[in-house]
């Protein structure tokens, strides 16, 4: 065929290739199953670690460890995992996991009736997401690391944009500050502003939608 046809076919092959669509894990060149499991090579272990904890490709330290064969033992892998978990990328990754799990990751695209919610603008939506991320980090990285606390803790982080929502009379700045919310009204991720705003109607509450997601 001509040049354009050849180029089109090449692009089609690349875009349909499993090696392009997925993180390809083939193991050693001569695959040998051990108790029904196929061992991964060092680079594949590095890839799994990084994409699981950082949701991104391995950094140079991890690639160097793979190149030097230093991802063969449990202790070596654990050391790298702990290093990745201590980075800010891990905190962001964990926080975003809950955003996708509870599906309020699209909060920025949600629109509300301006008469009912005149202050629901981009700045407020950003503050809501920041609050949820700070809340998750405070439990998983700085707190007791218990899943129960994610669904029951009355602690959170509030700034001047969020203080009216939680009916907190104190004067806040634009920076998030730790607060203790009402025990009668709040408890964990399912009562944070981001989840409630995303799973509410444009002109009010939507209990049915919120209840339909609790089973997850």
Protein backbone atom coordinates (compact mmCIF):
# COMPACT_ATOMS: atom_id res chain seq x y z
CA UNK A 1 0.00 0.00 0.00
CA UNK A 2 0.93 3.67 -0.08
CA UNK A 3 2.49 5.64 2.78
CA UNK A 4 -0.80 6.75 4.37
CA UNK A 5 -2.19 3.20 4.36
CA UNK A 6 0.98 1.81 5.90
CA UNK A 7 1.00 4.45 8.61
CA UNK A 8 -2.67 3.84 9.40
CA UNK A 9 -2.14 0.07 9.70
CA UNK A 10 0.86 0.57 11.97
CA UNK A 11 -1.11 2.86 14.30
CA UNK A 12 -4.02 0.39 14.37
CA UNK A 13 -1.68 -2.44 15.38
CA UNK A 14 -0.08 -0.36 18.15
CA UNK A 15 -3.40 0.82 19.60
CA UNK A 16 -4.81 -2.72 19.65
CA UNK A 17 -1.70 -4.37 21.06
CA UNK A 18 -2.15 -5.85 24.57
CA UNK A 19 1.37 -4.65 25.38
CA UNK A 20 0.19 -1.08 24.70
CA UNK A 21 -3.16 -1.35 26.51
CA UNK A 22 -1.96 -3.19 29.61
CA UNK A 23 1.05 -3.32 31.90
CA UNK A 24 2.49 -6.41 30.31
CA UNK A 25 3.83 -9.00 32.77
CA UNK A 26 5.46 -12.04 31.18
CA UNK A 27 7.80 -13.13 33.94
CA UNK A 28 11.18 -14.74 33.16
CA UNK A 29 11.98 -15.59 29.55
CA UNK A 30 11.57 -19.29 30.38
CA UNK A 31 8.41 -19.28 32.45
CA UNK A 32 8.32 -21.85 35.22
CA UNK A 33 5.27 -22.21 37.43
CA UNK A 34 5.93 -22.61 41.15
CA UNK A 35 2.92 -24.02 43.01
CA UNK A 36 0.69 -22.60 40.30
CA UNK A 37 2.31 -19.15 40.40
CA UNK A 38 4.60 -17.55 37.85
CA UNK A 39 7.34 -15.40 39.43
CA UNK A 40 7.73 -11.86 38.13
CA UNK A 41 11.06 -10.34 37.19
CA UNK A 42 12.48 -7.30 38.97
CA UNK A 43 11.13 -4.76 36.50
CA UNK A 44 7.62 -6.21 36.71
CA UNK A 45 7.75 -6.08 40.50
CA UNK A 46 8.89 -2.47 40.31
CA UNK A 47 5.99 -1.67 38.00
CA UNK A 48 3.45 -3.36 40.28
CA UNK A 49 4.74 -1.55 43.33
CA UNK A 50 4.73 1.87 41.71
CA UNK A 51 1.38 1.67 39.94
CA UNK A 52 -0.29 0.18 43.02
CA UNK A 53 1.03 2.79 45.48
CA UNK A 54 1.67 5.84 43.28
CA UNK A 55 -0.63 5.14 40.31
CA UNK A 56 2.32 6.08 38.13
CA UNK A 57 5.48 4.65 36.60
CA UNK A 58 8.48 3.66 38.78
CA UNK A 59 10.94 6.39 39.73
CA UNK A 60 14.67 6.17 39.08
CA UNK A 61 15.44 4.62 42.48
CA UNK A 62 13.00 1.78 41.84
CA UNK A 63 14.27 1.26 38.28
CA UNK A 64 17.84 1.14 39.54
CA UNK A 65 16.87 -1.45 42.15
CA UNK A 66 15.26 -3.53 39.41
CA UNK A 67 18.30 -3.21 37.16
CA UNK A 68 20.61 -4.32 39.98
CA UNK A 69 18.39 -7.27 40.90
CA UNK A 70 17.49 -5.86 44.31
CA UNK A 71 13.81 -6.77 44.25
CA UNK A 72 14.22 -10.49 44.76
CA UNK A 73 13.51 -10.85 48.46
CA UNK A 74 10.55 -10.01 50.67
CA UNK A 75 12.71 -7.61 52.70
CA UNK A 76 13.89 -5.74 49.58
CA UNK A 77 10.34 -5.38 48.25
CA UNK A 78 9.03 -4.26 51.64
CA UNK A 79 11.76 -1.63 51.92
CA UNK A 80 10.80 -0.16 48.55
CA UNK A 81 7.09 -0.31 49.38
CA UNK A 82 7.68 1.60 52.63
CA UNK A 83 9.74 4.18 50.76
CA UNK A 84 6.94 4.72 48.25
CA UNK A 85 4.33 4.94 51.00
CA UNK A 86 6.28 7.68 52.77
CA UNK A 87 6.04 9.93 49.69
CA UNK A 88 3.31 12.52 49.11
CA UNK A 89 2.37 10.68 45.90
CA UNK A 90 1.15 7.76 48.00
CA UNK A 91 -1.07 10.02 50.10
CA UNK A 92 -2.62 11.52 46.99
CA UNK A 93 -3.12 8.06 45.46
CA UNK A 94 -4.87 6.68 48.55
CA UNK A 95 -7.12 9.74 48.83
CA UNK A 96 -8.13 9.48 45.20
CA UNK A 97 -8.92 5.79 45.62
CA UNK A 98 -11.79 6.75 47.94
CA UNK A 99 -12.93 9.46 45.54
CA UNK A 100 -13.31 6.86 42.79
CA UNK A 101 -14.73 4.22 45.14
CA UNK A 102 -17.51 6.53 46.33
CA UNK A 103 -17.68 8.16 42.88
CA UNK A 104 -17.43 11.79 43.98
CA UNK A 105 -14.30 12.26 41.88
CA UNK A 106 -16.45 14.15 39.34
CA UNK A 107 -17.60 16.74 41.87
CA UNK A 108 -16.01 19.59 39.89
CA UNK A 109 -18.47 18.95 37.04
CA UNK A 110 -21.57 18.95 39.27
CA UNK A 111 -23.91 21.91 38.90
CA UNK A 112 -26.46 23.13 41.46
CA UNK A 113 -29.46 25.42 41.32
CA UNK A 114 -28.08 28.90 41.96
CA UNK A 115 -31.16 29.95 43.91
CA UNK A 116 -30.92 27.02 46.32
CA UNK A 117 -27.12 26.96 46.50
CA UNK A 118 -25.83 30.44 45.54
CA UNK A 119 -22.34 29.73 46.92
CA UNK A 120 -21.78 26.43 45.14
CA UNK A 121 -18.95 27.55 42.87
CA UNK A 122 -15.60 26.16 41.71
CA UNK A 123 -13.83 27.42 44.82
CA UNK A 124 -16.26 25.67 47.16
CA UNK A 125 -16.08 22.42 45.18
CA UNK A 126 -12.28 22.51 45.35
CA UNK A 127 -12.48 23.06 49.13
CA UNK A 128 -14.80 20.07 49.48
CA UNK A 129 -12.39 17.80 47.62
CA UNK A 130 -9.44 19.13 49.59
CA UNK A 131 -11.33 18.40 52.81
CA UNK A 132 -12.00 14.78 51.83
CA UNK A 133 -8.36 14.25 50.87
CA UNK A 134 -7.10 15.74 54.11
CA UNK A 135 -9.58 13.59 56.04
CA UNK A 136 -8.42 10.35 54.40
CA UNK A 137 -4.75 11.22 54.94
CA UNK A 138 -5.40 12.02 58.60
CA UNK A 139 -6.87 8.54 59.17
CA UNK A 140 -4.72 6.34 56.91
CA UNK A 141 -1.33 7.98 57.38
CA UNK A 142 -1.52 9.96 60.61
CA UNK A 143 -4.33 8.26 62.54
CA UNK A 144 -5.26 4.74 63.61
CA UNK A 145 -5.37 3.46 60.00
CA UNK A 146 -8.69 1.71 60.67
CA UNK A 147 -11.37 1.42 57.99
CA UNK A 148 -14.01 1.88 60.70
CA UNK A 149 -12.60 5.34 61.45
CA UNK A 150 -13.04 6.33 57.81
CA UNK A 151 -16.77 5.72 58.25
CA UNK A 152 -17.26 7.00 61.77
CA UNK A 153 -14.75 9.72 62.69
CA UNK A 154 -16.24 13.14 63.43
CA UNK A 155 -12.95 14.93 62.82
CA UNK A 156 -12.41 16.84 59.59
CA UNK A 157 -10.74 19.89 58.06
CA UNK A 158 -12.55 23.15 57.42
CA UNK A 159 -11.68 26.52 55.91
CA UNK A 160 -13.61 29.73 55.36
CA UNK A 161 -15.51 28.24 52.41
CA UNK A 162 -16.72 25.24 54.42
CA UNK A 163 -17.44 26.79 57.81
CA UNK A 164 -21.01 27.83 56.91
CA UNK A 165 -21.82 24.36 55.58
CA UNK A 166 -20.87 22.77 58.89
CA UNK A 167 -22.40 25.64 60.87
CA UNK A 168 -19.14 26.42 62.63
CA UNK A 169 -19.10 29.92 63.99
CA UNK A 170 -15.34 30.29 64.33
CA UNK A 171 -13.48 32.51 61.89
CA UNK A 172 -11.38 30.48 59.43
CA UNK A 173 -8.82 31.38 56.79
CA UNK A 174 -8.51 29.90 53.30
CA UNK A 175 -6.28 27.16 54.73
CA UNK A 176 -7.87 23.96 56.01
CA UNK A 177 -7.81 23.59 59.77
CA UNK A 178 -8.60 20.46 61.84
CA UNK A 179 -11.98 20.56 63.57
CA UNK A 180 -14.36 18.26 65.45
CA UNK A 181 -17.81 18.12 63.86
CA UNK A 182 -21.16 17.41 65.49
CA UNK A 183 -21.52 13.81 66.71
CA UNK A 184 -25.23 13.95 65.94
CA UNK A 185 -24.82 14.89 62.29
CA UNK A 186 -21.41 13.74 61.08
CA UNK A 187 -19.46 10.53 60.89
CA UNK A 188 -16.86 9.65 58.29
CA UNK A 189 -16.65 9.88 54.52
CA UNK A 190 -20.38 9.44 53.92
CA UNK A 191 -21.17 12.67 55.77
CA UNK A 192 -18.40 14.85 54.34
CA UNK A 193 -19.43 17.75 52.13
CA UNK A 194 -17.90 16.31 48.93
CA UNK A 195 -19.89 13.07 49.06
CA UNK A 196 -23.14 14.76 50.08
CA UNK A 197 -22.86 17.48 47.45
CA UNK A 198 -22.02 15.04 44.67
CA UNK A 199 -24.82 12.65 45.66
CA UNK A 200 -27.47 15.30 46.13
CA UNK A 201 -30.05 16.77 43.80
CA UNK A 202 -29.48 20.06 42.01
CA UNK A 203 -32.01 21.80 44.26
CA UNK A 204 -31.88 19.77 47.45
CA UNK A 205 -31.03 16.46 49.09
CA UNK A 206 -31.22 13.01 47.48
CA UNK A 207 -31.35 10.33 50.20
CA UNK A 208 -32.28 7.56 47.74
CA UNK A 209 -29.13 8.08 45.68
CA UNK A 210 -26.94 8.18 48.78
CA UNK A 211 -28.50 5.04 50.22
CA UNK A 212 -28.04 3.20 46.93
CA UNK A 213 -24.28 3.69 47.25
CA UNK A 214 -23.90 2.61 50.88
CA UNK A 215 -24.06 -1.09 49.94
CA UNK A 216 -20.68 -0.80 48.23
